[in-house]
All heavy atoms as atom14 arrays in JSON, in Angstrom:
{
  "sequence": "VTRSHALESIESIAAADLALQKNPRDEVALRQRARGLNGAEQYL",
  "atom14_mask": [
    [1, 1, 1, 1, 1, 1, 1, 0, 0, 0, 0, 0, 0, 0],
    [1, 1, 1, 1, 1, 1, 1, 0, 0, 0, 0, 0, 0, 0],
    [1, 1, 1, 1, 1, 1, 1, 1, 1, 1, 1, 0, 0, 0],
    [1, 1, 1, 1, 1, 1, 0, 0, 0, 0, 0, 0, 0, 0],
    [1, 1, 1, 1, 1, 1, 1, 1, 1, 1, 0, 0, 0, 0],
    [1, 1, 1, 1, 1, 0, 0, 0, 0, 0, 0, 0, 0, 0],
    [1, 1, 1, 1, 1, 1, 1, 1, 0, 0, 0, 0, 0, 0],
    [1, 1, 1, 1, 1, 1, 1, 1, 1, 0, 0, 0, 0, 0],
    [1, 1, 1, 1, 1, 1, 0, 0, 0, 0, 0, 0, 0, 0],
    [1, 1, 1, 1, 1, 1, 1, 1, 0, 0, 0, 0, 0, 0],
    [1, 1, 1, 1, 1, 1, 1, 1, 1, 0, 0, 0, 0, 0],
    [1, 1, 1, 1, 1, 1, 0, 0, 0, 0, 0, 0, 0, 0],
    [1, 1, 1, 1, 1, 1, 1, 1, 0, 0, 0, 0, 0, 0],
    [1, 1, 1, 1, 1, 0, 0, 0, 0, 0, 0, 0, 0, 0],
    [1, 1, 1, 1, 1, 0, 0, 0, 0, 0, 0, 0, 0, 0],
    [1, 1, 1, 1, 1, 0, 0, 0, 0, 0, 0, 0, 0, 0],
    [1, 1, 1, 1, 1, 1, 1, 1, 0, 0, 0, 0, 0, 0],
    [1, 1, 1, 1, 1, 1, 1, 1, 0, 0, 0, 0, 0, 0],
    [1, 1, 1, 1, 1, 0, 0, 0, 0, 0, 0, 0, 0, 0],
    [1, 1, 1, 1, 1, 1, 1, 1, 0, 0, 0, 0, 0, 0],
    [1, 1, 1, 1, 1, 1, 1, 1, 1, 0, 0, 0, 0, 0],
    [1, 1, 1, 1, 1, 1, 1, 1, 1, 0, 0, 0, 0, 0],
    [1, 1, 1, 1, 1, 1, 1, 1, 0, 0, 0, 0, 0, 0],
    [1, 1, 1, 1, 1, 1, 1, 0, 0, 0, 0, 0, 0, 0],
    [1, 1, 1, 1, 1, 1, 1, 1, 1, 1, 1, 0, 0, 0],
    [1, 1, 1, 1, 1, 1, 1, 1, 0, 0, 0, 0, 0, 0],
    [1, 1, 1, 1, 1, 1, 1, 1, 1, 0, 0, 0, 0, 0],
    [1, 1, 1, 1, 1, 1, 1, 0, 0, 0, 0, 0, 0, 0],
    [1, 1, 1, 1, 1, 0, 0, 0, 0, 0, 0, 0, 0, 0],
    [1, 1, 1, 1, 1, 1, 1, 1, 0, 0, 0, 0, 0, 0],
    [1, 1, 1, 1, 1, 1, 1, 1, 1, 1, 1, 0, 0, 0],
    [1, 1, 1, 1, 1, 1, 1, 1, 1, 0, 0, 0, 0, 0],
    [1, 1, 1, 1, 1, 1, 1, 1, 1, 1, 1, 0, 0, 0],
    [1, 1, 1, 1, 1, 0, 0, 0, 0, 0, 0, 0, 0, 0],
    [1, 1, 1, 1, 1, 1, 1, 1, 1, 1, 1, 0, 0, 0],
    [1, 1, 1, 1, 0, 0, 0, 0, 0, 0, 0, 0, 0, 0],
    [1, 1, 1, 1, 1, 1, 1, 1, 0, 0, 0, 0, 0, 0],
    [1, 1, 1, 1, 1, 1, 1, 1, 0, 0, 0, 0, 0, 0],
    [1, 1, 1, 1, 0, 0, 0, 0, 0, 0, 0, 0, 0, 0],
    [1, 1, 1, 1, 1, 0, 0, 0, 0, 0, 0, 0, 0, 0],
    [1, 1, 1, 1, 1, 1, 1, 1, 1, 0, 0, 0, 0, 0],
    [1, 1, 1, 1, 1, 1, 1, 1, 1, 0, 0, 0, 0, 0],
    [1, 1, 1, 1, 1, 1, 1, 1, 1, 1, 1, 1, 0, 0],
    [1, 1, 1, 1, 1, 1, 1, 1, 0, 0, 0, 0, 0, 0]
  ],
  "atom14_positions": [
    [[5.93, 9.17, -10.67], [6.47, 8.2, -11.65], [7.98, 8.08, -11.52], [8.62, 7.16, -11.99], [6.08, 8.55, -13.08], [4.56, 8.38, -13.24], [6.5, 9.96, -13.46], [0.0, 0.0, 0.0], [0.0, 0.0, 0.0], [0.0, 0.0, 0.0], [0.0, 0.0, 0.0], [0.0, 0.0, 0.0], [0.0, 0.0, 0.0], [0.0, 0.0, 0.0]],
    [[8.63, 9.13, -10.99], [10.14, 9.15, -10.96], [10.67, 8.4, -9.76], [11.9, 8.28, -9.63], [10.63, 10.6, -10.94], [10.21, 11.21, -9.74], [10.16, 11.38, -12.13], [0.0, 0.0, 0.0], [0.0, 0.0, 0.0], [0.0, 0.0, 0.0], [0.0, 0.0, 0.0], [0.0, 0.0, 0.0], [0.0, 0.0, 0.0], [0.0, 0.0, 0.0]],
    [[9.82, 7.91, -8.9], [10.28, 7.32, -7.66], [10.34, 5.79, -7.77], [9.34, 5.15, -8.05], [9.38, 7.74, -6.48], [9.45, 9.23, -6.25], [8.28, 9.72, -5.49], [8.39, 11.22, -5.34], [7.32, 11.98, -5.16], [6.12, 11.44, -5.08], [7.44, 13.29, -5.02], [0.0, 0.0, 0.0], [0.0, 0.0, 0.0], [0.0, 0.0, 0.0]],
    [[11.44, 5.23, -7.47], [11.58, 3.76, -7.42], [11.12, 3.29, -6.07], [10.87, 4.1, -5.15], [13.06, 3.38, -7.65], [13.85, 3.94, -6.62], [0.0, 0.0, 0.0], [0.0, 0.0, 0.0], [0.0, 0.0, 0.0], [0.0, 0.0, 0.0], [0.0, 0.0, 0.0], [0.0, 0.0, 0.0], [0.0, 0.0, 0.0], [0.0, 0.0, 0.0]],
    [[11.03, 1.99, -5.91], [10.53, 1.46, -4.64], [11.06, 0.04, -4.42], [11.32, -0.68, -5.38], [9.01, 1.48, -4.52], [8.3, 0.88, -5.76], [7.89, 1.59, -6.82], [8.08, -0.41, -6.05], [7.35, 0.82, -7.71], [7.47, -0.43, -7.28], [0.0, 0.0, 0.0], [0.0, 0.0, 0.0], [0.0, 0.0, 0.0], [0.0, 0.0, 0.0]],
    [[11.16, -0.33, -3.18], [11.6, -1.66, -2.8], [10.53, -2.69, -3.07], [9.35, -2.41, -3.08], [12.05, -1.72, -1.35], [0.0, 0.0, 0.0], [0.0, 0.0, 0.0], [0.0, 0.0, 0.0], [0.0, 0.0, 0.0], [0.0, 0.0, 0.0], [0.0, 0.0, 0.0], [0.0, 0.0, 0.0], [0.0, 0.0, 0.0], [0.0, 0.0, 0.0]],
    [[10.93, -3.92, -3.26], [10.03, -5.04, -3.47], [9.07, -5.15, -2.29], [7.86, -5.42, -2.47], [10.8, -6.32, -3.71], [9.99, -7.61, -3.9], [9.07, -7.47, -5.11], [10.91, -8.83, -4.04], [0.0, 0.0, 0.0], [0.0, 0.0, 0.0], [0.0, 0.0, 0.0], [0.0, 0.0, 0.0], [0.0, 0.0, 0.0], [0.0, 0.0, 0.0]],
    [[9.63, -5.02, -1.11], [8.78, -5.18, 0.13], [7.6, -4.16, 0.12], [6.48, -4.48, 0.54], [9.61, -5.0, 1.37], [10.64, -6.08, 1.61], [11.88, -5.93, 0.73], [12.02, -4.89, 0.02], [12.71, -6.86, 0.71], [0.0, 0.0, 0.0], [0.0, 0.0, 0.0], [0.0, 0.0, 0.0], [0.0, 0.0, 0.0], [0.0, 0.0, 0.0]],
    [[7.85, -2.95, -0.39], [6.82, -1.96, -0.4], [5.69, -2.3, -1.35], [4.5, -2.26, -0.97], [7.38, -0.58, -0.8], [8.29, -0.06, 0.15], [0.0, 0.0, 0.0], [0.0, 0.0, 0.0], [0.0, 0.0, 0.0], [0.0, 0.0, 0.0], [0.0, 0.0, 0.0], [0.0, 0.0, 0.0], [0.0, 0.0, 0.0], [0.0, 0.0, 0.0]],
    [[6.03, -2.78, -2.54], [4.98, -3.12, -3.52], [4.23, -4.38, -3.04], [3.04, -4.48, -3.32], [5.58, -3.31, -4.91], [4.52, -2.94, -5.97], [6.16, -4.66, -5.17], [4.16, -1.54, -6.12], [0.0, 0.0, 0.0], [0.0, 0.0, 0.0], [0.0, 0.0, 0.0], [0.0, 0.0, 0.0], [0.0, 0.0, 0.0], [0.0, 0.0, 0.0]],
    [[4.93, -5.33, -2.37], [4.21, -6.5, -1.82], [3.24, -6.07, -0.76], [2.12, -6.59, -0.71], [5.25, -7.44, -1.21], [6.09, -8.18, -2.27], [7.24, -8.98, -1.67], [7.68, -8.67, -0.52], [7.7, -9.93, -2.33], [0.0, 0.0, 0.0], [0.0, 0.0, 0.0], [0.0, 0.0, 0.0], [0.0, 0.0, 0.0], [0.0, 0.0, 0.0]],
    [[3.6, -5.15, 0.09], [2.73, -4.66, 1.17], [1.52, -3.95, 0.53], [0.38, -4.14, 1.05], [3.51, -3.68, 2.1], [2.67, -3.15, 3.03], [0.0, 0.0, 0.0], [0.0, 0.0, 0.0], [0.0, 0.0, 0.0], [0.0, 0.0, 0.0], [0.0, 0.0, 0.0], [0.0, 0.0, 0.0], [0.0, 0.0, 0.0], [0.0, 0.0, 0.0]],
    [[1.76, -3.14, -0.47], [0.64, -2.44, -1.11], [-0.33, -3.4, -1.75], [-1.52, -3.3, -1.64], [1.22, -1.38, -2.13], [2.03, -0.36, -1.41], [0.05, -0.75, -2.84], [2.89, 0.46, -2.39], [0.0, 0.0, 0.0], [0.0, 0.0, 0.0], [0.0, 0.0, 0.0], [0.0, 0.0, 0.0], [0.0, 0.0, 0.0], [0.0, 0.0, 0.0]],
    [[0.25, -4.41, -2.46], [-0.62, -5.42, -3.13], [-1.4, -6.25, -2.09], [-2.59, -6.52, -2.34], [0.27, -6.36, -3.91], [0.0, 0.0, 0.0], [0.0, 0.0, 0.0], [0.0, 0.0, 0.0], [0.0, 0.0, 0.0], [0.0, 0.0, 0.0], [0.0, 0.0, 0.0], [0.0, 0.0, 0.0], [0.0, 0.0, 0.0], [0.0, 0.0, 0.0]],
    [[-0.85, -6.55, -0.96], [-1.55, -7.31, 0.09], [-2.79, -6.48, 0.59], [-3.84, -6.98, 0.78], [-0.66, -7.68, 1.24], [0.0, 0.0, 0.0], [0.0, 0.0, 0.0], [0.0, 0.0, 0.0], [0.0, 0.0, 0.0], [0.0, 0.0, 0.0], [0.0, 0.0, 0.0], [0.0, 0.0, 0.0], [0.0, 0.0, 0.0], [0.0, 0.0, 0.0]],
    [[-2.48, -5.19, 0.79], [-3.58, -4.28, 1.24], [-4.65, -4.15, 0.1], [-5.87, -4.09, 0.47], [-3.01, -2.93, 1.61], [0.0, 0.0, 0.0], [0.0, 0.0, 0.0], [0.0, 0.0, 0.0], [0.0, 0.0, 0.0], [0.0, 0.0, 0.0], [0.0, 0.0, 0.0], [0.0, 0.0, 0.0], [0.0, 0.0, 0.0], [0.0, 0.0, 0.0]],
    [[-4.2, -4.1, -1.1], [-5.18, -4.04, -2.22], [-6.16, -5.17, -2.16], [-7.38, -5.0, -2.32], [-4.43, -4.08, -3.56], [-3.78, -2.83, -3.95], [-4.13, -1.75, -3.4], [-2.87, -2.85, -4.82], [0.0, 0.0, 0.0], [0.0, 0.0, 0.0], [0.0, 0.0, 0.0], [0.0, 0.0, 0.0], [0.0, 0.0, 0.0], [0.0, 0.0, 0.0]],
    [[-5.64, -6.38, -1.91], [-6.47, -7.6, -1.9], [-7.47, -7.5, -0.75], [-8.63, -7.89, -0.89], [-5.6, -8.82, -1.81], [-4.78, -9.11, -3.01], [-3.79, -10.26, -2.75], [-5.66, -9.44, -4.27], [0.0, 0.0, 0.0], [0.0, 0.0, 0.0], [0.0, 0.0, 0.0], [0.0, 0.0, 0.0], [0.0, 0.0, 0.0], [0.0, 0.0, 0.0]],
    [[-7.01, -7.07, 0.41], [-7.92, -6.92, 1.57], [-9.02, -5.89, 1.29], [-10.16, -6.09, 1.63], [-7.09, -6.53, 2.8], [0.0, 0.0, 0.0], [0.0, 0.0, 0.0], [0.0, 0.0, 0.0], [0.0, 0.0, 0.0], [0.0, 0.0, 0.0], [0.0, 0.0, 0.0], [0.0, 0.0, 0.0], [0.0, 0.0, 0.0], [0.0, 0.0, 0.0]],
    [[-8.64, -4.8, 0.62], [-9.59, -3.72, 0.35], [-10.56, -4.11, -0.73], [-11.68, -3.52, -0.84], [-8.88, -2.42, 0.03], [-8.19, -1.77, 1.24], [-7.17, -0.71, 0.79], [-9.23, -1.15, 2.17], [0.0, 0.0, 0.0], [0.0, 0.0, 0.0], [0.0, 0.0, 0.0], [0.0, 0.0, 0.0], [0.0, 0.0, 0.0], [0.0, 0.0, 0.0]],
    [[-10.16, -5.06, -1.59], [-11.13, -5.54, -2.58], [-12.3, -6.25, -1.85], [-13.43, -6.14, -2.32], [-10.45, -6.51, -3.55], [-9.59, -5.87, -4.6], [-8.94, -6.88, -5.5], [-9.28, -8.04, -5.52], [-7.98, -6.42, -6.29], [0.0, 0.0, 0.0], [0.0, 0.0, 0.0], [0.0, 0.0, 0.0], [0.0, 0.0, 0.0], [0.0, 0.0, 0.0]],
    [[-12.01, -6.91, -0.78], [-13.02, -7.65, -0.01], [-13.8, -6.68, 0.84], [-15.03, -6.84, 1.03], [-12.35, -8.71, 0.85], [-11.66, -9.79, 0.11], [-10.96, -10.75, 1.03], [-10.23, -11.84, 0.26], [-9.44, -12.75, 1.14], [0.0, 0.0, 0.0], [0.0, 0.0, 0.0], [0.0, 0.0, 0.0], [0.0, 0.0, 0.0], [0.0, 0.0, 0.0]],
    [[-13.13, -5.68, 1.36], [-13.8, -4.7, 2.26], [-13.17, -3.35, 2.1], [-12.17, -3.05, 2.76], [-13.69, -5.16, 3.75], [-14.33, -4.16, 4.68], [-15.05, -3.31, 4.27], [-14.07, -4.33, 6.0], [0.0, 0.0, 0.0], [0.0, 0.0, 0.0], [0.0, 0.0, 0.0], [0.0, 0.0, 0.0], [0.0, 0.0, 0.0], [0.0, 0.0, 0.0]],
    [[-13.77, -2.47, 1.28], [-13.18, -1.17, 1.04], [-13.08, -0.27, 2.34], [-12.37, 0.7, 2.28], [-14.16, -0.51, 0.06], [-14.87, -1.66, -0.58], [-14.96, -2.7, 0.46], [0.0, 0.0, 0.0], [0.0, 0.0, 0.0], [0.0, 0.0, 0.0], [0.0, 0.0, 0.0], [0.0, 0.0, 0.0], [0.0, 0.0, 0.0], [0.0, 0.0, 0.0]],
    [[-13.77, -0.63, 3.43], [-13.68, 0.11, 4.62], [-12.84, -0.59, 5.65], [-12.92, -0.29, 6.85], [-15.11, 0.3, 5.2], [-15.99, 1.17, 4.3], [-17.43, 1.19, 4.88], [-17.5, 1.76, 6.19], [-17.47, 3.04, 6.51], [-17.4, 3.92, 5.54], [-17.59, 3.45, 7.76], [0.0, 0.0, 0.0], [0.0, 0.0, 0.0], [0.0, 0.0, 0.0]],
    [[-11.89, -1.37, 5.22], [-10.96, -2.07, 6.08], [-9.89, -1.06, 6.58], [-8.93, -0.74, 5.87], [-10.3, -3.26, 5.37], [-9.44, -4.08, 6.33], [-8.9, -3.55, 7.28], [-9.3, -5.33, 6.03], [0.0, 0.0, 0.0], [0.0, 0.0, 0.0], [0.0, 0.0, 0.0], [0.0, 0.0, 0.0], [0.0, 0.0, 0.0], [0.0, 0.0, 0.0]],
    [[-10.08, -0.57, 7.78], [-9.17, 0.46, 8.26], [-7.74, 0.01, 8.37], [-6.8, 0.77, 8.05], [-9.68, 0.96, 9.64], [-8.79, 1.95, 10.31], [-9.03, 2.02, 11.84], [-10.07, 1.51, 12.31], [-8.1, 2.51, 12.51], [0.0, 0.0, 0.0], [0.0, 0.0, 0.0], [0.0, 0.0, 0.0], [0.0, 0.0, 0.0], [0.0, 0.0, 0.0]],
    [[-7.55, -1.2, 8.88], [-6.19, -1.74, 8.99], [-5.49, -1.87, 7.64], [-4.3, -1.48, 7.51], [-6.2, -3.13, 9.69], [-4.82, -3.77, 9.68], [-6.77, -3.02, 11.09], [0.0, 0.0, 0.0], [0.0, 0.0, 0.0], [0.0, 0.0, 0.0], [0.0, 0.0, 0.0], [0.0, 0.0, 0.0], [0.0, 0.0, 0.0], [0.0, 0.0, 0.0]],
    [[-6.25, -2.28, 6.61], [-5.66, -2.4, 5.27], [-5.33, -1.06, 4.69], [-4.3, -0.84, 4.04], [-6.65, -3.1, 4.36], [0.0, 0.0, 0.0], [0.0, 0.0, 0.0], [0.0, 0.0, 0.0], [0.0, 0.0, 0.0], [0.0, 0.0, 0.0], [0.0, 0.0, 0.0], [0.0, 0.0, 0.0], [0.0, 0.0, 0.0], [0.0, 0.0, 0.0]],
    [[-6.18, -0.04, 4.96], [-5.92, 1.34, 4.46], [-4.64, 1.89, 5.13], [-3.82, 2.46, 4.49], [-7.07, 2.25, 4.81], [-8.31, 2.14, 3.9], [-9.5, 2.89, 4.51], [-7.98, 2.74, 2.5], [0.0, 0.0, 0.0], [0.0, 0.0, 0.0], [0.0, 0.0, 0.0], [0.0, 0.0, 0.0], [0.0, 0.0, 0.0], [0.0, 0.0, 0.0]],
    [[-4.48, 1.62, 6.42], [-3.27, 2.08, 7.09], [-2.04, 1.33, 6.6], [-1.02, 1.92, 6.37], [-3.44, 1.82, 8.61], [-2.3, 2.39, 9.46], [-2.19, 1.66, 10.81], [-3.47, 1.52, 11.45], [-3.86, 0.51, 12.21], [-3.05, -0.54, 12.32], [-5.04, 0.5, 12.78], [0.0, 0.0, 0.0], [0.0, 0.0, 0.0], [0.0, 0.0, 0.0]],
    [[-2.21, 0.02, 6.35], [-1.08, -0.75, 5.84], [-0.66, -0.26, 4.45], [0.48, -0.14, 4.14], [-1.46, -2.24, 5.75], [-0.41, -3.14, 5.13], [-0.84, -4.56, 4.89], [-1.79, -5.06, 5.57], [-0.25, -5.21, 3.94], [0.0, 0.0, 0.0], [0.0, 0.0, 0.0], [0.0, 0.0, 0.0], [0.0, 0.0, 0.0], [0.0, 0.0, 0.0]],
    [[-1.67, 0.03, 3.65], [-1.34, 0.52, 2.28], [-0.7, 1.9, 2.33], [0.23, 2.17, 1.56], [-2.61, 0.53, 1.4], [-2.27, 0.69, -0.09], [-3.45, 0.34, -0.91], [-4.5, 1.34, -0.86], [-5.69, 1.26, -1.56], [-5.82, 0.25, -2.36], [-6.58, 2.16, -1.44], [0.0, 0.0, 0.0], [0.0, 0.0, 0.0], [0.0, 0.0, 0.0]],
    [[-1.14, 2.69, 3.27], [-0.5, 4.05, 3.41], [0.95, 3.88, 3.81], [1.84, 4.57, 3.3], [-1.26, 4.88, 4.49], [0.0, 0.0, 0.0], [0.0, 0.0, 0.0], [0.0, 0.0, 0.0], [0.0, 0.0, 0.0], [0.0, 0.0, 0.0], [0.0, 0.0, 0.0], [0.0, 0.0, 0.0], [0.0, 0.0, 0.0], [0.0, 0.0, 0.0]],
    [[1.23, 2.92, 4.71], [2.6, 2.67, 5.18], [3.49, 2.18, 3.96], [4.6, 2.67, 3.77], [2.66, 1.67, 6.3], [4.06, 1.46, 6.87], [4.07, 0.5, 8.04], [3.31, 1.05, 9.11], [2.18, 0.53, 9.63], [1.69, -0.58, 9.12], [1.52, 1.12, 10.61], [0.0, 0.0, 0.0], [0.0, 0.0, 0.0], [0.0, 0.0, 0.0]],
    [[2.87, 1.24, 3.18], [3.6, 0.77, 2.0], [3.84, 1.86, 1.02], [4.96, 1.95, 0.38], [0.0, 0.0, 0.0], [0.0, 0.0, 0.0], [0.0, 0.0, 0.0], [0.0, 0.0, 0.0], [0.0, 0.0, 0.0], [0.0, 0.0, 0.0], [0.0, 0.0, 0.0], [0.0, 0.0, 0.0], [0.0, 0.0, 0.0], [0.0, 0.0, 0.0]],
    [[2.88, 2.72, 0.79], [3.03, 3.82, -0.19], [4.04, 4.85, 0.3], [4.81, 5.36, -0.48], [1.67, 4.46, -0.39], [0.67, 3.62, -1.21], [-0.74, 4.15, -1.04], [1.06, 3.62, -2.71], [0.0, 0.0, 0.0], [0.0, 0.0, 0.0], [0.0, 0.0, 0.0], [0.0, 0.0, 0.0], [0.0, 0.0, 0.0], [0.0, 0.0, 0.0]],
    [[4.08, 5.11, 1.58], [5.13, 5.96, 2.17], [6.51, 5.34, 1.91], [7.48, 6.03, 1.52], [4.96, 6.2, 3.64], [4.09, 7.46, 3.88], [4.01, 8.37, 3.12], [3.31, 7.39, 5.02], [0.0, 0.0, 0.0], [0.0, 0.0, 0.0], [0.0, 0.0, 0.0], [0.0, 0.0, 0.0], [0.0, 0.0, 0.0], [0.0, 0.0, 0.0]],
    [[6.61, 4.04, 2.07], [7.84, 3.36, 1.79], [8.25, 3.42, 0.4], [9.46, 3.44, 0.02], [0.0, 0.0, 0.0], [0.0, 0.0, 0.0], [0.0, 0.0, 0.0], [0.0, 0.0, 0.0], [0.0, 0.0, 0.0], [0.0, 0.0, 0.0], [0.0, 0.0, 0.0], [0.0, 0.0, 0.0], [0.0, 0.0, 0.0], [0.0, 0.0, 0.0]],
    [[7.29, 3.51, -0.5], [7.52, 3.62, -1.96], [7.62, 5.09, -2.42], [7.72, 5.29, -3.63], [6.45, 2.91, -2.75], [0.0, 0.0, 0.0], [0.0, 0.0, 0.0], [0.0, 0.0, 0.0], [0.0, 0.0, 0.0], [0.0, 0.0, 0.0], [0.0, 0.0, 0.0], [0.0, 0.0, 0.0], [0.0, 0.0, 0.0], [0.0, 0.0, 0.0]],
    [[7.63, 6.0, -1.47], [7.76, 7.41, -1.78], [6.58, 7.91, -2.62], [6.7, 8.86, -3.4], [9.06, 7.77, -2.42], [10.29, 7.46, -1.57], [11.6, 7.85, -2.23], [11.63, 8.93, -2.88], [12.58, 7.11, -2.07], [0.0, 0.0, 0.0], [0.0, 0.0, 0.0], [0.0, 0.0, 0.0], [0.0, 0.0, 0.0], [0.0, 0.0, 0.0]],
    [[5.43, 7.31, -2.43], [4.22, 7.71, -3.12], [3.31, 8.48, -2.08], [2.31, 7.98, -1.64], [3.46, 6.47, -3.69], [4.23, 5.72, -4.7], [4.39, 6.49, -6.0], [3.56, 7.37, -6.33], [5.42, 6.2, -6.77], [0.0, 0.0, 0.0], [0.0, 0.0, 0.0], [0.0, 0.0, 0.0], [0.0, 0.0, 0.0], [0.0, 0.0, 0.0]],
    [[3.76, 9.71, -1.8], [3.21, 10.38, -0.66], [1.79, 10.89, -0.86], [1.03, 10.94, 0.08], [4.2, 11.59, -0.31], [5.6, 11.12, -0.05], [6.64, 11.65, -0.76], [5.88, 10.13, 0.87], [7.96, 11.19, -0.55], [7.15, 9.67, 1.14], [8.19, 10.22, 0.35], [9.49, 9.81, 0.57], [0.0, 0.0, 0.0], [0.0, 0.0, 0.0]],
    [[1.43, 11.28, -2.07], [0.11, 11.74, -2.31], [-0.92, 10.56, -2.11], [-1.98, 10.76, -1.52], [-0.02, 12.35, -3.74], [0.61, 13.7, -3.91], [0.71, 14.04, -5.38], [-0.09, 14.77, -3.12], [0.0, 0.0, 0.0], [0.0, 0.0, 0.0], [0.0, 0.0, 0.0], [0.0, 0.0, 0.0], [0.0, 0.0, 0.0], [0.0, 0.0, 0.0]]
  ]
}
């Protein structure tokens, strides 16, 4: 909760969320969301 994040990171995470809503096993979306989360310092 103490970590701020750039707009680009939250946009990337949201785009992956939408893809994973359609297909929870979308490997590319999972990887994209992991990258966005790393950018947002949400390492866990």
